[in-house]
């Protein structure tokens, strides 16, 4: 049950950072496991800099961000 987001990663597209809209290199980055968006690690740290909790900038869910590799074709 629950709501599904329409922002799921499409394998035919190269993902972009939700904050700076740039593509990714081969490093580990931050991802929301609920809405499947990707952020550069530095962009996520800047976004969360003054917060005392972790919140996704897209779906606004608390505690859903994790570090992962960005999928490539």
Protein backbone atom coordinates (compact mmCIF):
# COMPACT_ATOMS: atom_id res chain seq x y z
CA UNK A 1 0.00 0.00 0.00
CA UNK A 2 0.99 3.63 -0.17
CA UNK A 3 1.61 6.11 -2.90
CA UNK A 4 4.10 5.55 -5.70
CA UNK A 5 6.03 8.44 -7.19
CA UNK A 6 6.08 8.97 -10.94
CA UNK A 7 9.76 9.97 -10.80
CA UNK A 8 11.24 6.46 -11.12
CA UNK A 9 14.54 6.12 -12.95
CA UNK A 10 14.20 5.31 -16.64
CA UNK A 11 17.06 3.04 -17.75
CA UNK A 12 17.14 4.68 -21.21
CA UNK A 13 17.98 8.10 -19.76
CA UNK A 14 21.20 9.27 -18.14
CA UNK A 15 20.24 10.49 -14.66
CA UNK A 16 20.96 14.07 -13.60
CA UNK A 17 21.39 15.59 -10.16
CA UNK A 18 18.09 17.00 -8.92
CA UNK A 19 19.85 20.04 -7.43
CA UNK A 20 22.46 21.12 -10.03
CA UNK A 21 21.06 19.25 -13.11
CA UNK A 22 24.50 17.96 -14.12
CA UNK A 23 25.24 14.35 -15.10
CA UNK A 24 27.22 12.02 -12.86
CA UNK A 25 30.73 10.68 -12.99
CA UNK A 26 31.51 7.18 -11.73
CA UNK A 27 31.62 8.07 -8.03
CA UNK A 28 29.18 7.09 -5.31
CA UNK A 29 26.26 9.51 -4.94
CA UNK A 30 23.12 10.04 -2.88
CA UNK A 31 19.78 8.53 -3.85
CA UNK A 32 16.27 8.60 -2.39
CA UNK A 33 15.06 5.02 -2.15
CA UNK A 34 11.43 6.18 -2.19
CA UNK A 35 11.28 8.37 -5.30
CA UNK A 36 14.50 7.12 -7.00
CA UNK A 37 16.12 10.53 -7.61
CA UNK A 38 19.91 11.00 -7.60
CA UNK A 39 21.99 13.79 -6.10
CA UNK A 40 25.71 14.50 -6.15
CA UNK A 41 27.07 13.79 -2.69
CA UNK A 42 28.32 17.39 -2.37
CA UNK A 43 24.97 18.80 -3.51
CA UNK A 44 23.15 16.68 -0.91
CA UNK A 45 25.55 17.78 1.84
CA UNK A 46 25.05 21.44 0.92
CA UNK A 47 21.25 20.97 0.85
CA UNK A 48 21.26 19.24 4.27
CA UNK A 49 23.91 21.50 5.83
CA UNK A 50 21.66 23.34 8.30
CA UNK A 51 19.17 20.53 8.95
CA UNK A 52 19.21 18.20 11.93
CA UNK A 53 17.58 15.39 9.95
CA UNK A 54 17.86 13.86 6.48
CA UNK A 55 15.02 14.78 4.07
CA UNK A 56 14.63 14.20 0.34
CA UNK A 57 14.42 17.48 -1.64
CA UNK A 58 11.95 15.89 -4.09
CA UNK A 59 9.44 13.79 -2.11
CA UNK A 60 10.12 15.49 1.27
CA UNK A 61 10.23 12.14 3.13
CA UNK A 62 12.49 12.00 6.17
CA UNK A 63 15.18 9.31 6.32
CA UNK A 64 14.98 8.10 2.71
CA UNK A 65 18.38 9.26 1.40
CA UNK A 66 21.23 6.77 1.02
CA UNK A 67 24.56 6.58 -0.75
CA UNK A 68 24.79 4.38 -3.84
CA UNK A 69 26.31 4.09 -7.29
CA UNK A 70 24.45 5.78 -10.13
CA UNK A 71 23.36 3.15 -12.70
CA UNK A 72 24.86 3.40 -16.15
CA UNK A 73 23.92 1.57 -19.34
